[in-house]
Protein backbone atom coordinates (compact mmCIF):
# COMPACT_ATOMS: atom_id res chain seq x y z
CA UNK A 1 20.42 -90.71 -102.20
CA UNK A 2 21.21 -94.04 -100.58
CA UNK A 3 18.76 -95.83 -102.83
CA UNK A 4 20.19 -94.18 -105.91
CA UNK A 5 23.69 -95.00 -104.77
CA UNK A 6 22.66 -98.62 -104.25
CA UNK A 7 21.24 -98.81 -107.74
CA UNK A 8 24.36 -97.32 -109.21
CA UNK A 9 26.51 -99.76 -107.27
CA UNK A 10 24.45 -102.72 -108.51
CA UNK A 11 24.80 -101.58 -112.13
CA UNK A 12 28.53 -101.10 -111.79
CA UNK A 13 28.93 -104.63 -110.40
CA UNK A 14 27.41 -106.32 -113.47
CA UNK A 15 29.90 -108.58 -115.24
CA UNK A 16 30.63 -107.98 -118.88
CA UNK A 17 29.82 -110.88 -121.19
CA UNK A 18 32.97 -111.80 -123.12
CA UNK A 19 32.75 -111.58 -126.89
CA UNK A 20 32.56 -114.98 -128.61
CA UNK A 21 35.74 -116.41 -130.05
CA UNK A 22 35.75 -115.98 -133.82
CA UNK A 23 37.76 -118.29 -136.03
CA UNK A 24 39.08 -118.28 -139.57
CA UNK A 25 38.54 -121.28 -141.81
CA UNK A 26 40.91 -121.90 -144.70
CA UNK A 27 41.32 -124.74 -147.12
CA UNK A 28 42.33 -126.05 -150.50
CA UNK A 29 39.90 -127.27 -153.14
CA UNK A 30 41.20 -129.63 -155.81
CA UNK A 31 39.16 -130.53 -158.88
CA UNK A 32 39.48 -133.53 -161.19
CA UNK A 33 37.90 -133.87 -164.61
CA UNK A 34 35.70 -136.73 -165.81
CA UNK A 35 38.73 -138.94 -166.30
CA UNK A 36 40.05 -138.20 -162.78
CA UNK A 37 42.82 -135.89 -164.01
CA UNK A 38 43.58 -132.60 -162.16
CA UNK A 39 41.95 -129.53 -163.67
CA UNK A 40 41.26 -125.87 -162.83
CA UNK A 41 40.16 -125.30 -159.22
CA UNK A 42 39.35 -121.58 -159.42
CA UNK A 43 35.84 -120.19 -159.14
CA UNK A 44 34.36 -122.70 -156.69
CA UNK A 45 31.83 -120.96 -154.43
CA UNK A 46 32.28 -121.90 -150.76
CA UNK A 47 29.46 -121.17 -148.30
CA UNK A 48 29.14 -121.84 -144.58
CA UNK A 49 26.41 -121.00 -142.07
CA UNK A 50 23.03 -119.44 -142.74
CA UNK A 51 21.17 -116.19 -142.18
CA UNK A 52 23.20 -113.51 -140.42
CA UNK A 53 25.98 -116.05 -139.79
CA UNK A 54 26.40 -117.02 -143.45
CA UNK A 55 29.81 -116.48 -145.02
CA UNK A 56 30.60 -116.95 -148.72
CA UNK A 57 33.80 -116.80 -150.70
CA UNK A 58 35.26 -118.10 -153.98
CA UNK A 59 38.40 -120.14 -154.52
CA UNK A 60 41.34 -118.34 -156.11
CA UNK A 61 43.45 -119.51 -159.05
CA UNK A 62 45.15 -122.13 -156.87
CA UNK A 63 41.91 -123.46 -155.34
CA UNK A 64 42.52 -121.80 -151.96
CA UNK A 65 39.71 -120.22 -149.93
CA UNK A 66 39.34 -118.30 -146.66
CA UNK A 67 36.28 -117.64 -144.47
CA UNK A 68 36.72 -115.29 -141.50
CA UNK A 69 34.78 -114.30 -138.36
CA UNK A 70 33.08 -117.65 -137.72
CA UNK A 71 31.68 -118.34 -134.22
CA UNK A 72 32.43 -121.71 -132.65
CA UNK A 73 29.95 -124.28 -133.98
CA UNK A 74 29.52 -127.33 -136.17
CA UNK A 75 29.08 -126.35 -139.80
CA UNK A 76 28.36 -127.91 -143.15
CA UNK A 77 30.50 -126.38 -145.86
CA UNK A 78 28.87 -126.16 -149.28
CA UNK A 79 31.12 -126.22 -152.36
CA UNK A 80 29.58 -125.57 -155.76
CA UNK A 81 30.44 -124.66 -159.34
CA UNK A 82 28.24 -125.28 -162.39
CA UNK A 83 30.50 -127.98 -163.85
CA UNK A 84 31.16 -129.84 -160.58
CA UNK A 85 27.72 -129.86 -158.99
CA UNK A 86 27.49 -129.42 -155.21
CA UNK A 87 29.45 -131.13 -152.45
CA UNK A 88 28.85 -130.93 -148.69
CA UNK A 89 31.61 -131.37 -146.10
CA UNK A 90 31.53 -131.11 -142.28
CA UNK A 91 33.74 -128.92 -140.13
CA UNK A 92 33.72 -128.15 -136.41
CA UNK A 93 35.15 -125.02 -134.80
CA UNK A 94 35.63 -125.10 -131.03
CA UNK A 95 35.91 -122.21 -128.56
CA UNK A 96 39.64 -122.87 -128.32
CA UNK A 97 40.25 -122.58 -132.05
CA UNK A 98 41.35 -119.43 -133.80
CA UNK A 99 41.77 -121.19 -137.13
CA UNK A 100 40.96 -124.46 -138.88
CA UNK A 101 41.65 -126.06 -142.25
CA UNK A 102 39.29 -128.09 -144.45
CA UNK A 103 40.47 -129.46 -147.79
CA UNK A 104 38.15 -131.19 -150.29
CA UNK A 105 38.20 -132.74 -153.74
CA UNK A 106 35.51 -132.06 -156.34
CA UNK A 107 34.87 -133.77 -159.65
CA UNK A 108 33.51 -132.43 -162.91
CA UNK A 109 30.10 -133.88 -163.69
CA UNK A 110 29.91 -136.65 -166.25
CA UNK A 111 29.03 -135.66 -169.81
CA UNK A 112 27.56 -139.14 -170.40
CA UNK A 113 23.78 -139.09 -170.46
CA UNK A 114 21.56 -142.14 -170.07
CA UNK A 115 18.69 -141.50 -172.47
CA UNK A 116 16.49 -144.45 -171.58
CA UNK A 117 16.13 -147.67 -169.60
CA UNK A 118 13.97 -150.62 -170.65
CA UNK A 119 13.19 -153.59 -168.42
CA UNK A 120 14.03 -156.80 -170.31
CA UNK A 121 13.02 -159.48 -167.82
CA UNK A 122 14.31 -161.89 -165.17
CA UNK A 123 16.72 -164.56 -166.41
CA UNK A 124 19.52 -166.89 -165.39
CA UNK A 125 23.20 -166.22 -166.06
CA UNK A 126 24.80 -169.53 -165.23
CA UNK A 127 23.53 -170.34 -161.75
CA UNK A 128 22.75 -166.69 -160.90
CA UNK A 129 19.31 -165.16 -161.26
CA UNK A 130 19.45 -161.61 -162.62
CA UNK A 131 17.23 -158.75 -163.73
CA UNK A 132 18.12 -157.51 -167.21
CA UNK A 133 17.80 -153.85 -168.17
CA UNK A 134 18.58 -152.35 -171.58
CA UNK A 135 20.27 -148.96 -171.50
CA UNK A 136 20.67 -146.36 -174.25
CA UNK A 137 23.25 -143.65 -173.58
CA UNK A 138 25.05 -140.78 -175.27
CA UNK A 139 28.72 -140.27 -174.46
CA UNK A 140 31.75 -138.37 -175.71
CA UNK A 141 33.67 -141.00 -177.68
CA UNK A 142 36.85 -138.92 -177.59
CA UNK A 143 36.79 -138.85 -173.79
CA UNK A 144 35.68 -142.46 -173.46
CA UNK A 145 37.23 -144.42 -176.35
CA UNK A 146 37.23 -147.61 -174.27
CA UNK A 147 33.72 -147.27 -172.88
CA UNK A 148 31.62 -145.04 -170.66
CA UNK A 149 30.51 -145.30 -167.01
CA UNK A 150 27.03 -145.51 -165.50
CA UNK A 151 25.62 -145.72 -161.96
CA UNK A 152 22.27 -147.47 -161.49
CA UNK A 153 20.17 -147.04 -158.34
CA UNK A 154 17.40 -149.32 -157.07
CA UNK A 155 14.73 -148.19 -154.62
CA UNK A 156 11.29 -149.10 -153.33
CA UNK A 157 9.47 -145.95 -154.53
CA UNK A 158 8.96 -144.30 -157.94
CA UNK A 159 11.01 -141.36 -156.64
CA UNK A 160 14.20 -143.43 -156.64
CA UNK A 161 17.26 -141.25 -157.27
CA UNK A 162 20.96 -140.93 -156.48
CA UNK A 163 19.98 -139.63 -153.03
CA UNK A 164 16.98 -141.92 -152.42
CA UNK A 165 17.79 -145.59 -152.95
CA UNK A 166 18.50 -148.91 -151.26
CA UNK A 167 21.37 -150.21 -153.39
CA UNK A 168 23.66 -148.78 -156.06
CA UNK A 169 25.52 -150.58 -158.85
CA UNK A 170 28.39 -149.01 -160.77
CA UNK A 171 29.35 -150.23 -164.21
CA UNK A 172 30.13 -149.36 -167.77
CA UNK A 173 29.85 -150.41 -171.38
CA UNK A 174 31.72 -150.07 -174.66
CA UNK A 175 28.64 -150.61 -176.85
CA UNK A 176 25.35 -148.79 -177.14
CA UNK A 177 22.65 -149.73 -176.46
CA UNK A 178 23.91 -152.05 -173.73
CA UNK A 179 22.18 -154.77 -171.72
CA UNK A 180 23.07 -154.90 -168.02
CA UNK A 181 22.37 -157.74 -165.58
CA UNK A 182 21.87 -157.10 -161.85
CA UNK A 183 21.98 -159.86 -159.26
CA UNK A 184 18.65 -160.76 -157.67
CA UNK A 185 20.48 -162.06 -154.59
CA UNK A 186 22.13 -158.64 -154.14
CA UNK A 187 18.74 -156.96 -154.37
CA UNK A 188 17.34 -159.36 -151.76
CA UNK A 189 20.29 -158.60 -149.48
CA UNK A 190 19.43 -154.90 -149.82
CA UNK A 191 15.93 -155.57 -148.46
CA UNK A 192 13.79 -156.22 -151.53
CA UNK A 193 11.43 -159.11 -150.76
CA UNK A 194 9.78 -161.41 -153.27
CA UNK A 195 6.61 -159.91 -154.72
CA UNK A 196 7.59 -156.29 -154.04
CA UNK A 197 7.96 -153.66 -156.74
CA UNK A 198 11.50 -152.46 -157.43
CA UNK A 199 12.27 -149.17 -159.20
CA UNK A 200 15.52 -148.38 -161.03
CA UNK A 201 17.14 -145.26 -162.48
CA UNK A 202 20.53 -144.64 -164.12
CA UNK A 203 22.92 -141.69 -164.40
CA UNK A 204 25.98 -141.12 -166.53
CA UNK A 205 29.03 -141.33 -164.26
CA UNK A 206 32.60 -140.07 -164.35
CA UNK A 207 35.63 -142.35 -164.11
CA UNK A 208 35.74 -141.79 -160.34
CA UNK A 209 32.77 -141.01 -158.13
CA UNK A 210 33.12 -138.04 -155.77
CA UNK A 211 30.77 -138.45 -152.80
CA UNK A 212 29.39 -136.09 -150.16
CA UNK A 213 31.27 -136.06 -146.89
CA UNK A 214 28.32 -134.65 -144.94
CA UNK A 215 24.55 -134.21 -145.12
CA UNK A 216 24.13 -137.74 -146.47
CA UNK A 217 20.47 -138.81 -146.26
CA UNK A 218 19.66 -141.98 -144.33
CA UNK A 219 18.08 -143.41 -147.48
CA UNK A 220 21.38 -143.20 -149.39
CA UNK A 221 23.34 -146.09 -147.81
CA UNK A 222 26.34 -145.77 -150.13
CA UNK A 223 26.48 -141.97 -149.97
CA UNK A 224 25.54 -139.35 -152.55
CA UNK A 225 27.71 -138.86 -155.62
CA UNK A 226 28.15 -135.21 -156.58
CA UNK A 227 29.61 -135.58 -160.09
CA UNK A 228 26.95 -137.63 -161.88
CA UNK A 229 25.35 -136.26 -165.01
CA UNK A 230 22.60 -133.90 -163.88
CA UNK A 231 19.95 -135.55 -166.09
CA UNK A 232 18.96 -139.11 -165.13
CA UNK A 233 17.19 -141.73 -167.20
CA UNK A 234 13.54 -142.62 -166.92
CA UNK A 235 12.49 -144.90 -164.05
CA UNK A 236 11.71 -148.56 -164.79
CA UNK A 237 10.06 -151.04 -162.45
CA UNK A 238 9.67 -154.79 -162.03
CA UNK A 239 8.40 -157.27 -159.48
CA UNK A 240 10.93 -159.20 -157.42
CA UNK A 241 10.75 -162.95 -158.13
């Protein structure tokens, strides 16, 4: 009986583990169109966490969202809608927090499509040495009566992309096809040495780039733009002079 009593006493003395603090995350999503004008913010899917801890909701007509019952942790919020692509944003919930707010801006993806790039050669523009690339693109002339926008990325592998590059150039044109010139000195400053192969790719861009706020790869030094046209050009290559 004494032994049993001792066992019972030991069990009764065990401390209860407190339940984790759960927080509610709210926020406002705003969306701009290709020309950086406000547009509908409803229907954006917002996801946080993974596995059993994953929570998903959709923005309402005003762009508001709410995610409840989140344990304290660092999270990456994922915002997506077919016309705005995907954007990642960080948020941290501490043990002391019962609620937190995270607002973001999304941008509709560009309708401009770069159909092809063609390497034209290395030349001089005044005293500046440049690489010339010819670009053919398709754009909505009603949206872009004064010219369209393009982002061009340069990398050191054939898999160069908007999330795998060493330097990015933004620009535009009001004619098509258009010849673009990129500074050799800027490419050297980005780490391209003489004699190395450089690869380039272009995407149609909106009037204002919307970039990831989190989950940016180390090989994307200027961030990752979420509202580029989903279809890039072909990749061209050349040898650094």
